Protein backbone atom coordinates (compact mmCIF):
# COMPACT_ATOMS: atom_id res chain seq x y z
CA MET A 1 -6.58 -18.19 11.08
CA ASN A 2 -3.46 -16.17 11.90
CA LEU A 3 -2.59 -12.77 10.43
CA THR A 4 0.05 -14.12 8.03
CA VAL A 5 -2.46 -16.47 6.42
CA LYS A 6 -5.09 -13.72 6.23
CA ASN A 7 -2.58 -11.38 4.58
CA ALA A 8 -1.75 -14.09 2.04
CA LEU A 9 -5.46 -14.53 1.35
CA ILE A 10 -5.88 -10.79 0.76
CA ASP A 11 -2.85 -10.83 -1.54
CA MET A 12 -4.26 -13.79 -3.48
CA TYR A 13 -7.62 -12.09 -4.02
CA ALA A 14 -5.90 -8.90 -5.16
CA LYS A 15 -3.59 -10.74 -7.56
CA CYS A 16 -6.60 -12.59 -8.99
CA GLY A 17 -8.34 -9.26 -9.60
CA ASP A 18 -11.03 -9.64 -6.93
CA THR A 19 -10.24 -6.47 -5.00
CA GLU A 20 -13.70 -6.36 -3.45
CA LYS A 21 -13.16 -9.73 -1.79
CA GLY A 22 -9.67 -8.59 -0.80
CA LEU A 23 -11.10 -5.43 0.77
CA GLU A 24 -13.77 -7.46 2.54
CA ASN A 25 -11.07 -9.62 4.13
CA PHE A 26 -8.88 -6.60 4.86
CA HIS A 27 -11.67 -4.75 6.67
CA SER A 28 -12.53 -7.86 8.67
CA LEU A 29 -9.05 -7.94 10.25
CA ASN A 30 -9.06 -7.07 13.95
CA GLN A 31 -5.42 -6.03 13.79
CA LYS A 32 -3.59 -4.88 10.66
CA ASP A 33 0.18 -4.88 10.28
CA VAL A 34 2.28 -3.17 7.62
CA PHE A 35 1.93 -6.23 5.39
CA SER A 36 -1.88 -6.10 5.56
CA TRP A 37 -1.87 -2.48 4.45
CA THR A 38 0.81 -3.02 1.81
CA VAL A 39 -0.81 -5.98 0.06
CA MET A 40 -4.15 -4.17 -0.09
CA ILE A 41 -2.69 -0.87 -1.32
CA SER A 42 -0.53 -2.64 -3.91
CA GLY A 43 -3.41 -4.88 -4.97
CA LEU A 44 -5.69 -1.93 -5.56
CA ALA A 45 -2.94 -0.12 -7.48
CA MET A 46 -2.21 -3.04 -9.79
CA ASN A 47 -5.93 -3.49 -10.52
CA GLY A 48 -6.41 0.11 -11.65
CA LYS A 49 -8.01 1.36 -8.44
CA SER A 50 -5.41 4.02 -7.83
CA GLN A 51 -7.65 6.52 -6.07
CA ARG A 52 -8.88 3.86 -3.65
CA ALA A 53 -5.28 2.74 -2.99
CA LEU A 54 -4.29 6.31 -2.09
CA GLN A 55 -7.37 6.70 0.12
CA LEU A 56 -6.46 3.53 1.95
CA PHE A 57 -2.87 4.74 2.41
CA SER A 58 -4.18 7.96 3.97
CA GLN A 59 -6.01 5.85 6.57
CA MET A 60 -2.80 4.09 7.61
CA ASN A 61 -2.43 6.03 10.87
CA ASP A 62 -1.13 3.57 13.46
CA VAL A 63 1.23 1.58 11.24
CA LYS A 64 4.47 2.94 9.79
CA PRO A 65 4.77 2.23 6.05
CA ASN A 66 7.85 0.47 4.72
CA GLU A 67 9.66 0.56 1.37
CA VAL A 68 7.19 -1.80 -0.30
CA THR A 69 4.23 0.24 0.93
CA PHE A 70 5.70 3.32 -0.73
CA LEU A 71 6.31 1.38 -3.93
CA GLY A 72 2.61 0.49 -3.91
CA VAL A 73 1.68 4.14 -3.37
CA LEU A 74 3.99 5.36 -6.13
CA SER A 75 2.66 2.61 -8.39
CA ALA A 76 -0.89 3.83 -7.71
CA CYS A 77 0.18 7.35 -8.63
CA SER A 78 1.86 6.11 -11.80
CA HIS A 79 -1.03 3.91 -12.94
CA GLY A 80 -3.57 6.60 -12.15
CA GLY A 81 -1.65 9.40 -13.86
CA PHE A 82 -1.31 11.31 -10.59
CA VAL A 83 2.06 12.94 -11.23
CA LYS A 84 1.66 15.73 -8.67
CA LYS A 85 0.49 13.27 -6.02
CA GLY A 86 3.47 11.06 -6.85
CA PHE A 87 5.84 13.96 -6.21
CA TYR A 88 3.92 14.78 -3.03
CA TYR A 89 4.30 11.23 -1.68
CA LEU A 90 7.94 11.13 -2.72
CA SER A 91 8.64 14.36 -0.84
CA THR A 92 6.71 12.97 2.15
CA MET A 93 8.98 9.93 2.10
CA ILE A 94 12.02 12.17 2.11
CA SER A 95 10.85 14.60 4.80
CA THR A 96 8.92 12.31 7.16
CA TYR A 97 10.62 8.94 7.19
CA ASP A 98 14.15 8.09 8.24
CA SER A 99 17.11 8.03 5.87
CA PHE A 100 17.29 4.21 6.03
CA LEU A 101 13.90 3.95 4.35
CA ILE A 102 14.86 6.47 1.69
CA SER A 103 18.24 4.92 0.95
CA ASN A 104 16.72 1.46 0.56
CA THR A 105 13.88 2.71 -1.64
CA MET A 106 15.97 5.00 -3.83
CA GLY A 107 19.06 2.78 -4.01
CA VAL A 108 21.43 5.45 -2.68
């Protein structure tokens, strides 16, 4: 099975509320791309597992997050009531990632 299909499978499990099965499939991936990370982070966030979503984001070392990844992170902060963490991640977006990412995410 190729990575695109595996990512879709992870996304399906997350959208159906089975984050454990999604995580099982995510951790079984030999190689993870930005989409793998994003669907898992967003899936955890939308299922009320905000802390786990943020932990997973902090492990995203070798892959550069994109706009959708940051939306998942900010969603996790919002759903979890982590206002200070939300501001922290927003400032990280502004200071660490290029202006293209910020302009697309913020609509400026």
